N, C-alpha and C. Protein backbone atom coordinates (compact mmCIF):
# COMPACT_ATOMS: atom_id res chain seq x y z
N UNK A 1 -58.12 18.81 78.48
CA UNK A 1 -59.09 19.98 78.45
C UNK A 1 -60.17 20.32 77.42
N UNK A 2 -61.22 20.24 78.26
CA UNK A 2 -62.40 20.26 77.19
C UNK A 2 -62.50 21.41 76.04
N UNK A 3 -63.17 21.43 74.68
CA UNK A 3 -63.31 22.52 74.01
C UNK A 3 -63.98 23.59 74.06
N UNK A 4 -64.24 24.50 74.44
CA UNK A 4 -65.38 25.56 74.44
C UNK A 4 -66.66 24.95 73.34
N UNK A 5 -67.56 24.83 73.83
CA UNK A 5 -68.88 24.33 72.50
C UNK A 5 -68.99 26.08 71.92
N UNK A 6 -68.95 25.74 70.27
CA UNK A 6 -69.29 26.72 69.85
C UNK A 6 -70.67 26.96 69.41
N UNK A 7 -70.78 28.22 69.51
CA UNK A 7 -72.31 29.16 70.16
C UNK A 7 -72.80 28.80 68.74
N UNK A 8 -73.94 29.29 68.41
CA UNK A 8 -74.89 29.18 67.48
C UNK A 8 -74.41 30.13 66.23
N UNK A 9 -73.90 31.05 66.46
CA UNK A 9 -73.62 32.04 65.88
C UNK A 9 -72.44 31.48 64.71
N UNK A 10 -71.41 31.05 65.64
CA UNK A 10 -70.39 30.57 64.96
C UNK A 10 -70.66 29.15 63.86
N UNK A 11 -71.87 28.39 64.06
CA UNK A 11 -72.19 27.21 63.41
C UNK A 11 -72.47 28.14 62.46
N UNK A 12 -73.80 28.82 62.56
CA UNK A 12 -74.12 28.89 61.44
C UNK A 12 -73.24 30.43 60.20
N UNK A 13 -71.96 30.68 61.10
CA UNK A 13 -71.29 31.52 59.89
C UNK A 13 -70.78 30.14 59.18
N UNK A 14 -70.00 29.47 59.82
CA UNK A 14 -69.46 27.74 59.31
C UNK A 14 -70.29 27.61 58.32
N UNK A 15 -71.81 27.24 58.08
CA UNK A 15 -72.19 26.66 56.95
C UNK A 15 -72.65 28.02 56.18
N UNK A 16 -72.73 29.26 56.27
CA UNK A 16 -72.88 30.20 55.01
C UNK A 16 -71.28 30.18 54.85
N UNK A 17 -70.24 30.11 55.28
CA UNK A 17 -69.05 29.80 54.54
C UNK A 17 -69.25 28.57 53.50
N UNK A 18 -69.70 27.49 53.95
CA UNK A 18 -69.51 26.34 52.98
C UNK A 18 -70.55 26.71 52.05
N UNK A 19 -71.83 27.49 52.14
CA UNK A 19 -72.79 27.53 50.98
C UNK A 19 -71.93 28.29 49.83
N UNK A 20 -71.27 29.53 50.54
CA UNK A 20 -70.67 30.35 49.50
C UNK A 20 -69.38 29.85 48.89
N UNK A 21 -69.04 28.82 49.47
CA UNK A 21 -67.82 27.97 48.79
C UNK A 21 -68.47 26.92 47.48
N UNK A 22 -69.19 26.66 47.88
CA UNK A 22 -70.03 25.77 47.01
C UNK A 22 -70.76 26.28 45.94
N UNK A 23 -71.07 27.95 45.68
CA UNK A 23 -71.67 28.28 44.74
C UNK A 23 -70.45 28.76 43.91
N UNK A 24 -69.41 29.11 44.93
CA UNK A 24 -68.40 29.59 43.66
C UNK A 24 -68.11 28.45 43.05
N UNK A 25 -68.06 27.17 43.61
CA UNK A 25 -67.25 25.88 42.93
C UNK A 25 -68.20 25.75 41.63
N UNK A 26 -69.77 26.18 41.75
CA UNK A 26 -70.50 25.67 40.58
C UNK A 26 -70.40 27.01 39.56
N UNK A 27 -70.13 28.02 40.03
CA UNK A 27 -69.69 29.34 39.13
C UNK A 27 -68.86 28.84 38.23
N UNK A 28 -67.94 28.42 38.81
CA UNK A 28 -66.28 28.28 38.62
C UNK A 28 -66.39 27.62 37.28
N UNK A 29 -67.15 26.18 37.61
CA UNK A 29 -67.32 25.61 36.60
C UNK A 29 -68.13 25.15 35.80
N UNK A 30 -68.99 26.28 35.64
CA UNK A 30 -70.00 27.14 34.76
C UNK A 30 -68.92 27.60 33.57
N UNK A 31 -68.51 28.46 34.05
CA UNK A 31 -67.30 29.42 33.11
C UNK A 31 -66.78 28.25 32.67
N UNK A 32 -66.13 27.75 33.33
CA UNK A 32 -65.24 26.65 32.65
C UNK A 32 -65.89 25.94 31.49
N UNK A 33 -66.68 25.59 31.79
CA UNK A 33 -68.12 24.80 30.68
C UNK A 33 -67.99 25.76 29.41
N UNK A 34 -69.08 26.99 30.06
CA UNK A 34 -69.53 27.74 29.08
C UNK A 34 -68.41 28.83 28.18
N UNK A 35 -67.02 28.96 28.27
CA UNK A 35 -66.34 30.39 28.03
C UNK A 35 -64.65 29.51 27.93
N UNK A 36 -64.19 28.87 28.41
CA UNK A 36 -62.80 28.50 28.59
C UNK A 36 -62.84 26.92 28.12
N UNK A 37 -63.91 25.87 28.05
CA UNK A 37 -63.61 24.62 27.37
C UNK A 37 -63.81 24.42 26.14
N UNK A 38 -64.72 25.54 25.66
CA UNK A 38 -65.23 25.60 23.88
C UNK A 38 -63.57 26.11 23.01
N UNK A 39 -62.82 26.81 24.09
CA UNK A 39 -61.60 27.69 23.43
C UNK A 39 -60.72 26.38 23.22
N UNK A 40 -60.71 25.12 24.03
CA UNK A 40 -59.97 24.12 23.93
C UNK A 40 -59.87 23.01 22.90
N UNK A 41 -61.26 22.83 22.15
CA UNK A 41 -61.60 22.18 21.65
C UNK A 41 -61.90 22.68 20.12
N UNK A 42 -61.15 21.78 19.34
CA UNK A 42 -61.18 22.60 17.68
C UNK A 42 -63.04 21.89 16.95
N UNK A 43 -63.14 20.56 17.61
CA UNK A 43 -64.18 20.09 16.44
C UNK A 43 -65.38 20.04 17.17
N UNK A 44 -66.90 20.46 16.94
CA UNK A 44 -67.32 20.11 17.51
C UNK A 44 -68.13 18.83 17.96
N UNK A 45 -67.94 17.91 16.64
CA UNK A 45 -68.17 16.38 17.12
C UNK A 45 -67.21 15.97 18.16
N UNK A 46 -66.18 16.21 18.54
CA UNK A 46 -65.40 15.60 19.76
C UNK A 46 -66.00 15.97 20.89
N UNK A 47 -66.78 17.28 20.97
CA UNK A 47 -66.95 17.78 21.94
C UNK A 47 -68.36 17.32 22.15
N UNK A 48 -69.04 17.19 21.71
CA UNK A 48 -70.38 16.31 21.89
C UNK A 48 -69.73 14.91 22.45
N UNK A 49 -69.02 14.05 21.92
CA UNK A 49 -68.35 13.02 22.29
C UNK A 49 -68.62 13.05 23.90
N UNK A 50 -67.34 14.09 24.07
CA UNK A 50 -66.96 14.61 25.98
C UNK A 50 -68.31 14.85 26.30
N UNK A 51 -68.87 15.56 26.11
CA UNK A 51 -70.55 15.61 26.67
C UNK A 51 -71.09 14.47 26.76
N UNK A 52 -71.40 13.69 25.72
CA UNK A 52 -71.93 12.51 25.78
C UNK A 52 -71.61 11.29 27.33
N UNK A 53 -70.02 11.92 27.61
CA UNK A 53 -69.16 11.04 28.54
C UNK A 53 -69.88 11.37 29.90
N UNK A 54 -70.04 12.47 30.13
CA UNK A 54 -70.70 12.78 32.13
C UNK A 54 -71.95 12.29 31.71
N UNK A 55 -72.55 11.68 30.90
CA UNK A 55 -74.10 11.18 31.53
C UNK A 55 -74.30 10.55 32.36
N UNK A 56 -73.20 9.60 32.74
CA UNK A 56 -73.45 9.10 34.16
C UNK A 56 -72.99 9.80 35.37
N UNK A 57 -72.45 10.62 35.02
CA UNK A 57 -72.19 11.78 36.53
C UNK A 57 -73.59 12.46 36.18
N UNK A 58 -74.28 12.66 35.13
CA UNK A 58 -75.45 13.22 35.51
C UNK A 58 -76.16 12.53 36.37
N UNK A 59 -76.47 11.41 35.86
CA UNK A 59 -77.25 10.25 36.69
C UNK A 59 -77.02 10.14 38.11
N UNK A 60 -75.70 10.11 38.60
CA UNK A 60 -74.75 10.03 39.71
C UNK A 60 -75.23 11.36 40.77
N UNK A 61 -75.26 12.55 39.92
CA UNK A 61 -75.53 13.77 40.69
C UNK A 61 -77.16 13.98 41.11
N UNK A 62 -77.72 13.18 39.82
CA UNK A 62 -79.60 13.27 40.10
C UNK A 62 -80.14 12.15 41.04
N UNK A 63 -79.02 11.22 41.25
CA UNK A 63 -79.50 10.07 42.29
C UNK A 63 -78.94 10.75 43.73
N UNK A 64 -78.02 11.38 43.80
CA UNK A 64 -77.16 12.04 44.76
C UNK A 64 -78.30 13.08 45.26
N UNK A 65 -79.14 13.95 44.58
CA UNK A 65 -80.00 14.97 44.79
C UNK A 65 -81.34 14.32 45.43
N UNK A 66 -81.41 12.93 44.81
CA UNK A 66 -82.86 12.63 45.08
C UNK A 66 -82.78 11.77 46.65
N UNK A 67 -81.50 11.56 46.87
CA UNK A 67 -80.93 10.79 47.78
C UNK A 67 -81.20 11.72 49.22
N UNK A 68 -80.39 13.34 48.93
CA UNK A 68 -80.54 14.29 49.81
C UNK A 68 -81.97 14.41 50.53
N UNK A 69 -82.77 14.63 49.04
CA UNK A 69 -84.14 14.64 49.48
C UNK A 69 -85.20 13.96 50.34
N UNK A 70 -84.67 12.90 50.42
CA UNK A 70 -85.10 11.51 50.94
C UNK A 70 -84.56 11.94 52.55
N UNK A 71 -83.59 11.81 52.57
CA UNK A 71 -82.48 11.77 53.88
C UNK A 71 -83.22 13.39 55.00
N UNK A 72 -83.43 14.65 53.56
CA UNK A 72 -84.34 15.60 54.91
C UNK A 72 -85.22 15.69 55.18
N UNK A 73 -85.98 14.56 54.72
CA UNK A 73 -87.70 14.22 54.68
C UNK A 73 -87.22 13.36 56.17
N UNK A 74 -86.76 12.43 55.66
CA UNK A 74 -86.52 11.81 57.49
C UNK A 74 -85.74 12.62 58.47
N UNK A 75 -85.28 13.25 58.12
CA UNK A 75 -84.35 13.94 59.57
C UNK A 75 -86.31 15.40 60.02
N UNK A 76 -86.75 15.65 58.92
CA UNK A 76 -87.98 16.62 59.12
C UNK A 76 -88.91 15.87 60.24
N UNK A 77 -88.86 14.32 59.63
CA UNK A 77 -90.08 13.03 60.40
C UNK A 77 -89.52 13.13 61.86
N UNK A 78 -88.29 12.92 61.56
CA UNK A 78 -87.80 12.72 63.38
C UNK A 78 -88.12 14.18 63.83
N UNK A 79 -87.72 15.32 63.40
CA UNK A 79 -87.91 16.27 64.11
C UNK A 79 -89.23 16.59 64.73
N UNK A 80 -90.07 16.43 63.72
CA UNK A 80 -91.94 16.56 64.26
C UNK A 80 -92.06 15.74 65.30
N UNK A 81 -91.33 14.62 65.45
CA UNK A 81 -91.79 13.22 66.44
C UNK A 81 -91.25 13.95 67.25
N UNK A 82 -90.28 14.34 67.26
CA UNK A 82 -89.57 15.17 68.74
C UNK A 82 -90.05 16.03 69.11
N UNK A 83 -91.05 16.93 68.25
CA UNK A 83 -91.81 18.02 68.64
C UNK A 83 -93.05 17.10 69.30
N UNK A 84 -93.83 16.30 68.57
CA UNK A 84 -94.97 16.10 69.47
C UNK A 84 -95.00 15.26 70.49
N UNK A 85 -93.77 14.65 70.86
CA UNK A 85 -93.34 14.05 72.38
C UNK A 85 -93.01 15.69 73.38
N UNK A 86 -92.43 16.86 72.85
CA UNK A 86 -92.35 17.40 73.89
C UNK A 86 -94.05 18.15 73.89
N UNK A 87 -94.65 18.20 73.21
CA UNK A 87 -95.46 18.85 73.50
C UNK A 87 -96.60 17.99 74.45
N UNK A 88 -96.45 16.65 74.17
CA UNK A 88 -97.58 15.35 75.11
C UNK A 88 -97.02 16.03 76.44
N UNK A 89 -95.67 16.14 76.84
CA UNK A 89 -94.84 16.45 77.72
C UNK A 89 -95.50 17.41 78.76
N UNK A 90 -95.41 18.67 77.54
CA UNK A 90 -95.94 20.10 78.27
C UNK A 90 -97.25 19.86 78.70
N UNK A 91 -98.29 19.23 77.84
CA UNK A 91 -99.85 19.18 78.27
C UNK A 91 -99.67 18.16 79.39
N UNK A 92 -98.85 17.52 79.74
CA UNK A 92 -98.94 16.42 81.16
C UNK A 92 -98.42 17.63 82.42
N UNK A 93 -97.75 18.20 81.91
CA UNK A 93 -96.99 19.20 82.58
C UNK A 93 -98.53 20.27 83.18
N UNK A 94 -98.91 20.70 82.50
CA UNK A 94 -100.24 21.43 82.21
C UNK A 94 -101.51 20.49 83.37
N UNK A 95 -101.46 19.72 82.91
CA UNK A 95 -102.30 19.04 83.69
C UNK A 95 -102.07 18.84 85.50
N UNK A 96 -100.86 18.34 85.62
CA UNK A 96 -100.36 18.62 86.75
C UNK A 96 -100.06 19.90 87.73
N UNK A 97 -100.01 20.62 87.12
CA UNK A 97 -99.98 22.09 87.85
C UNK A 97 -101.21 22.60 87.64
N UNK A 98 -102.36 22.15 87.07
CA UNK A 98 -103.56 22.19 87.51
C UNK A 98 -104.18 21.58 88.69
N UNK A 99 -103.70 20.20 88.69
CA UNK A 99 -104.22 19.70 90.21
C UNK A 99 -103.42 20.26 91.40
N UNK A 100 -102.56 20.71 90.91
CA UNK A 100 -101.78 21.09 92.40
C UNK A 100 -102.37 22.72 92.42
N UNK A 101 -102.57 23.48 91.51
CA UNK A 101 -103.40 24.71 91.84
C UNK A 101 -104.74 24.36 92.35
N UNK A 102 -105.28 23.52 91.85
CA UNK A 102 -106.46 23.26 92.69
C UNK A 102 -106.36 22.75 94.36
N UNK A 103 -105.59 22.22 94.50
CA UNK A 103 -105.29 21.53 95.79
C UNK A 103 -105.24 22.95 96.43
N UNK A 104 -103.99 23.64 95.85
CA UNK A 104 -103.86 24.85 96.70
C UNK A 104 -104.74 25.75 96.95
N UNK A 105 -106.14 26.25 96.12
CA UNK A 105 -107.03 26.62 96.36
C UNK A 105 -108.12 25.92 97.39
N UNK A 106 -108.04 24.35 97.65
CA UNK A 106 -108.41 24.50 98.51
C UNK A 106 -107.87 24.07 100.10
N UNK A 107 -106.93 24.26 99.70
CA UNK A 107 -106.06 24.84 101.08
C UNK A 107 -106.17 26.13 101.80
N UNK A 108 -105.97 26.94 100.75
CA UNK A 108 -106.40 28.20 100.92
C UNK A 108 -107.81 28.62 101.43
N UNK A 109 -108.81 27.84 100.60
CA UNK A 109 -110.06 28.05 101.67
C UNK A 109 -110.15 27.25 102.98
N UNK A 110 -109.18 26.20 103.15
CA UNK A 110 -109.19 26.05 104.32
C UNK A 110 -108.59 26.66 105.56
N UNK A 111 -107.84 27.50 105.27
CA UNK A 111 -107.07 28.88 106.08
C UNK A 111 -107.81 29.70 106.24
N UNK A 112 -108.98 29.97 105.11
CA UNK A 112 -109.62 31.29 105.64
C UNK A 112 -110.59 30.71 106.30
N UNK A 113 -111.42 29.56 106.43
CA UNK A 113 -112.27 28.89 107.42
C UNK A 113 -111.43 29.10 108.88
N UNK A 114 -110.59 28.27 109.17
CA UNK A 114 -109.74 28.23 110.20
C UNK A 114 -109.50 29.56 110.53
N UNK A 115 -109.35 30.51 109.74
CA UNK A 115 -109.20 31.80 110.32
C UNK A 115 -110.45 32.53 110.88
N UNK A 116 -111.41 32.31 110.19
CA UNK A 116 -112.85 33.05 110.97
C UNK A 116 -113.13 31.89 111.97
N UNK A 117 -112.97 30.59 112.23
CA UNK A 117 -112.90 30.09 113.92
C UNK A 117 -112.09 30.75 114.25
N UNK A 118 -111.01 30.83 114.25
CA UNK A 118 -110.39 31.46 115.11
C UNK A 118 -110.64 32.59 115.83
N UNK A 119 -111.33 33.57 115.04
CA UNK A 119 -111.85 35.22 115.30
C UNK A 119 -112.82 34.45 116.20
N UNK A 120 -114.01 33.84 115.40
CA UNK A 120 -114.94 33.39 116.57
C UNK A 120 -114.90 32.63 117.73
N UNK A 121 -113.15 32.21 118.02
CA UNK A 121 -113.07 31.58 119.37
C UNK A 121 -112.62 32.58 120.34
N UNK A 122 -112.26 33.78 119.45
CA UNK A 122 -111.06 34.66 120.48
C UNK A 122 -112.66 35.89 120.51
N UNK A 123 -113.40 35.60 120.21
CA UNK A 123 -115.23 36.42 120.21
C UNK A 123 -115.48 35.58 121.20
N UNK A 124 -115.39 34.16 121.51
CA UNK A 124 -115.94 33.45 122.45
C UNK A 124 -114.96 33.40 123.96
N UNK A 125 -113.97 34.05 123.60
CA UNK A 125 -113.18 34.13 124.75
C UNK A 125 -113.15 35.34 125.49
N UNK A 126 -113.81 36.40 124.77
CA UNK A 126 -113.86 37.76 124.97
C UNK A 126 -115.56 37.15 125.60
N UNK A 127 -116.09 36.74 125.45
CA UNK A 127 -117.60 36.58 126.20
C UNK A 127 -117.03 36.01 127.51
N UNK A 128 -116.30 35.28 127.41
CA UNK A 128 -115.99 34.42 128.75
C UNK A 128 -115.39 35.38 129.85
N UNK A 129 -114.57 36.09 129.72
CA UNK A 129 -113.89 37.11 130.24
C UNK A 129 -115.20 38.57 130.48
N UNK A 130 -115.71 39.02 129.63
CA UNK A 130 -116.89 39.54 130.00
C UNK A 130 -117.82 39.03 130.78
N UNK A 131 -118.01 37.53 130.98
CA UNK A 131 -118.87 37.10 132.01
C UNK A 131 -118.33 37.04 133.61
N UNK A 132 -116.95 37.01 133.50
CA UNK A 132 -116.14 36.74 134.45
C UNK A 132 -116.12 38.05 134.93
N UNK A 133 -115.96 39.05 134.57
CA UNK A 133 -115.73 40.70 135.04
C UNK A 133 -117.47 40.91 135.36
N UNK A 134 -118.68 40.04 134.87
CA UNK A 134 -119.57 40.46 135.55
C UNK A 134 -120.04 39.96 136.75
N UNK A 135 -119.33 38.70 137.04
CA UNK A 135 -119.55 37.71 138.22
C UNK A 135 -118.97 38.52 139.26
N UNK A 136 -117.34 38.94 138.81
CA UNK A 136 -116.49 39.67 139.61
C UNK A 136 -117.70 40.95 140.29
N UNK A 137 -118.01 41.61 139.61
CA UNK A 137 -118.92 42.84 140.07
C UNK A 137 -120.15 42.38 140.71
N UNK A 138 -120.24 40.99 140.13
CA UNK A 138 -121.91 40.48 140.92
C UNK A 138 -123.07 40.81 140.08
N UNK A 139 -122.91 41.10 139.14
CA UNK A 139 -123.98 41.52 138.12
C UNK A 139 -124.94 40.11 137.43
N UNK A 140 -123.72 38.83 137.36
CA UNK A 140 -124.35 37.64 136.95
C UNK A 140 -124.07 36.69 138.23
N UNK A 141 -125.27 35.79 137.95
CA UNK A 141 -124.84 34.82 139.11
C UNK A 141 -123.85 33.93 138.67
N UNK A 142 -123.09 33.00 139.93
CA UNK A 142 -122.18 32.25 139.53
C UNK A 142 -122.80 31.27 138.90
N UNK A 143 -124.21 30.62 139.16
CA UNK A 143 -124.76 29.40 138.04
C UNK A 143 -124.72 29.77 136.53
N UNK A 144 -124.95 31.26 136.02
CA UNK A 144 -125.00 31.27 134.98
C UNK A 144 -123.72 31.87 134.17
N UNK A 145 -122.71 32.37 134.98
CA UNK A 145 -121.61 32.28 134.52
C UNK A 145 -120.81 30.89 133.92
N UNK A 146 -121.05 29.96 135.09
CA UNK A 146 -120.61 28.68 135.03
C UNK A 146 -121.51 27.50 133.87
N UNK A 147 -122.31 28.34 133.92
CA UNK A 147 -123.56 27.34 132.36
C UNK A 147 -122.56 28.02 131.02
N UNK A 148 -122.49 29.63 130.78
CA UNK A 148 -122.03 29.84 129.72
C UNK A 148 -120.61 29.86 129.35
N UNK A 149 -120.14 29.79 130.37
CA UNK A 149 -118.59 29.13 129.89
C UNK A 149 -118.54 28.06 129.59
N UNK A 150 -119.02 26.94 129.83
CA UNK A 150 -119.08 25.52 129.29
C UNK A 150 -119.51 25.78 128.13
N UNK A 151 -121.02 26.39 127.79
CA UNK A 151 -121.39 26.23 126.63
C UNK A 151 -120.23 26.79 125.75
N UNK A 152 -119.86 27.99 125.88
CA UNK A 152 -119.07 28.61 125.21
C UNK A 152 -117.73 27.82 124.76
N UNK A 153 -117.05 27.04 125.71
CA UNK A 153 -115.94 25.95 125.65
C UNK A 153 -116.13 24.77 124.67
N UNK A 154 -117.26 24.50 124.79
CA UNK A 154 -117.71 23.20 123.82
C UNK A 154 -118.11 23.65 122.91
N UNK A 155 -118.81 25.26 122.33
CA UNK A 155 -118.98 25.58 120.99
C UNK A 155 -117.59 25.57 120.39
N UNK A 156 -116.60 25.93 120.90
CA UNK A 156 -115.16 26.16 120.58
C UNK A 156 -114.64 24.99 120.40
N UNK A 157 -114.64 24.01 121.35
CA UNK A 157 -114.03 23.18 121.09
C UNK A 157 -114.81 22.66 119.68
N UNK A 158 -115.85 22.12 119.48
CA UNK A 158 -116.69 21.36 118.09
C UNK A 158 -116.28 22.28 117.13
N UNK A 159 -115.86 23.66 117.42
CA UNK A 159 -115.94 24.28 116.18
C UNK A 159 -114.10 24.01 115.60
N UNK A 160 -113.51 23.39 115.98
CA UNK A 160 -111.85 22.88 116.62
C UNK A 160 -112.01 21.79 115.85
N UNK A 161 -112.48 21.03 116.31
CA UNK A 161 -112.73 19.38 115.93
C UNK A 161 -113.47 19.35 114.68
N UNK A 162 -114.50 20.03 113.90
CA UNK A 162 -114.97 19.69 112.70
C UNK A 162 -114.22 20.25 111.51
N UNK A 163 -113.30 21.79 112.22
CA UNK A 163 -112.53 21.67 111.55
C UNK A 163 -111.07 21.24 111.01
N UNK A 164 -110.70 20.77 111.88
CA UNK A 164 -110.21 19.54 112.24
C UNK A 164 -110.18 18.12 110.85
N UNK A 165 -111.25 17.88 111.49
CA UNK A 165 -111.51 16.43 110.49
C UNK A 165 -111.85 16.79 108.94
N UNK A 166 -112.26 17.80 108.91
CA UNK A 166 -112.13 18.87 107.02
C UNK A 166 -111.08 18.74 106.60
N UNK A 167 -110.36 19.68 107.34
CA UNK A 167 -108.89 20.45 106.37
C UNK A 167 -107.92 19.91 106.96
N UNK A 168 -107.64 19.22 108.22
CA UNK A 168 -106.07 18.54 108.25
C UNK A 168 -105.79 17.08 107.01
N UNK A 169 -106.70 16.31 106.58
CA UNK A 169 -106.37 15.17 106.03
C UNK A 169 -106.09 16.25 104.53
N UNK A 170 -105.98 17.49 104.16
CA UNK A 170 -105.76 17.90 102.81
C UNK A 170 -104.35 18.30 103.21
N UNK A 171 -104.06 18.98 104.40
CA UNK A 171 -102.30 18.51 104.95
C UNK A 171 -101.48 17.61 104.92
N UNK A 172 -102.19 16.45 105.26
CA UNK A 172 -101.66 15.31 105.37
C UNK A 172 -101.63 15.09 106.97
N UNK A 173 -102.39 15.34 107.43
CA UNK A 173 -102.49 15.10 108.93
C UNK A 173 -103.90 14.90 109.12
N UNK A 174 -104.04 13.55 110.51
CA UNK A 174 -105.75 13.12 110.72
C UNK A 174 -105.57 11.64 110.27
N UNK A 175 -106.59 11.79 109.96
CA UNK A 175 -107.42 10.35 109.22
C UNK A 175 -106.43 9.82 108.44
N UNK A 176 -105.79 9.89 107.42
CA UNK A 176 -105.04 9.12 106.41
C UNK A 176 -103.55 8.57 107.36
N UNK A 177 -103.74 9.22 108.71
CA UNK A 177 -102.38 8.52 109.51
C UNK A 177 -103.07 7.44 110.58
N UNK A 178 -104.39 7.22 110.55
CA UNK A 178 -104.98 6.56 111.39
C UNK A 178 -105.11 7.26 112.79
N UNK A 179 -104.95 8.42 112.66
CA UNK A 179 -105.13 9.70 113.99
C UNK A 179 -107.02 10.22 113.61
N UNK A 180 -107.37 9.64 114.85
CA UNK A 180 -108.99 10.41 114.76
C UNK A 180 -108.63 11.73 115.32
N UNK A 181 -109.41 12.78 115.15
CA UNK A 181 -109.34 14.44 115.40
C UNK A 181 -111.04 14.22 116.24
N UNK A 182 -111.50 13.70 116.25
CA UNK A 182 -112.66 13.40 117.25
C UNK A 182 -112.60 13.27 118.48
N UNK A 183 -113.74 13.88 119.35
CA UNK A 183 -112.88 13.81 120.82
C UNK A 183 -113.63 12.42 121.06
N UNK A 184 -112.92 11.79 122.60
CA UNK A 184 -113.10 10.42 122.65
C UNK A 184 -114.55 9.87 123.36
N UNK A 185 -115.36 9.19 122.69
CA UNK A 185 -116.67 8.83 123.28
C UNK A 185 -116.64 9.44 124.80
N UNK A 186 -117.65 9.52 125.31
CA UNK A 186 -118.15 9.80 126.75
C UNK A 186 -119.25 8.49 127.22
N UNK A 187 -118.58 8.25 128.17
CA UNK A 187 -118.94 7.05 128.70
C UNK A 187 -119.84 7.23 130.12
C-alpha cells in the first residue's frame, strides 16, 4: 500500500513544531548556562577556563551558520531559475494562443463571407423562380428567361469558386492538398 501524501498544512505544522522545539532547547541551554552552571562552579578562574574550552564549538557553530546561509542562497537561486523557466513557458503559451486566436478570427470572417454568399445565392434562386413564374404566365419571353437563369447560375458558381479558393485553405481543404477549386478550363 502507498502512504497517503501529507497535506501542506501537515508539513507546515511539522516545521512549526521543529522550530518551537529548537527555541525551547536554546532557552534551556541559556537558562542552564546563566543560572545553574554558576552555582556548580566555585571558582571564577575555573569557570573562565571552561568557557574558553567552548571557543572551538563557537567557531563550529559559526561555520555551520555560514554554510546554512550559503545553502539557502543556492536554493533561492535554483527556485528563481525554475521560476524564469516557467515564465518563459507561459510566454510561449501566450504566443501560441494569440496565433490560434488570429486563425479563429480569420475562420470566423470566412464564415461570415460564406453566409453572405449563401444569402446572395438564395436571392439568385428566388430571382430564377420569379422569372420561371413570369415565363409561365407569359409576362417574360423564353429567351430572356434562359439568359437570366444562365447569368444568375454563373454568378452563383463564380461566387462559390472565389470563396472556396479564398477560405478553404484556412480549413485545410483545397489547394494545400493539390486540389483545385477553379472550374476546368473551357475548350
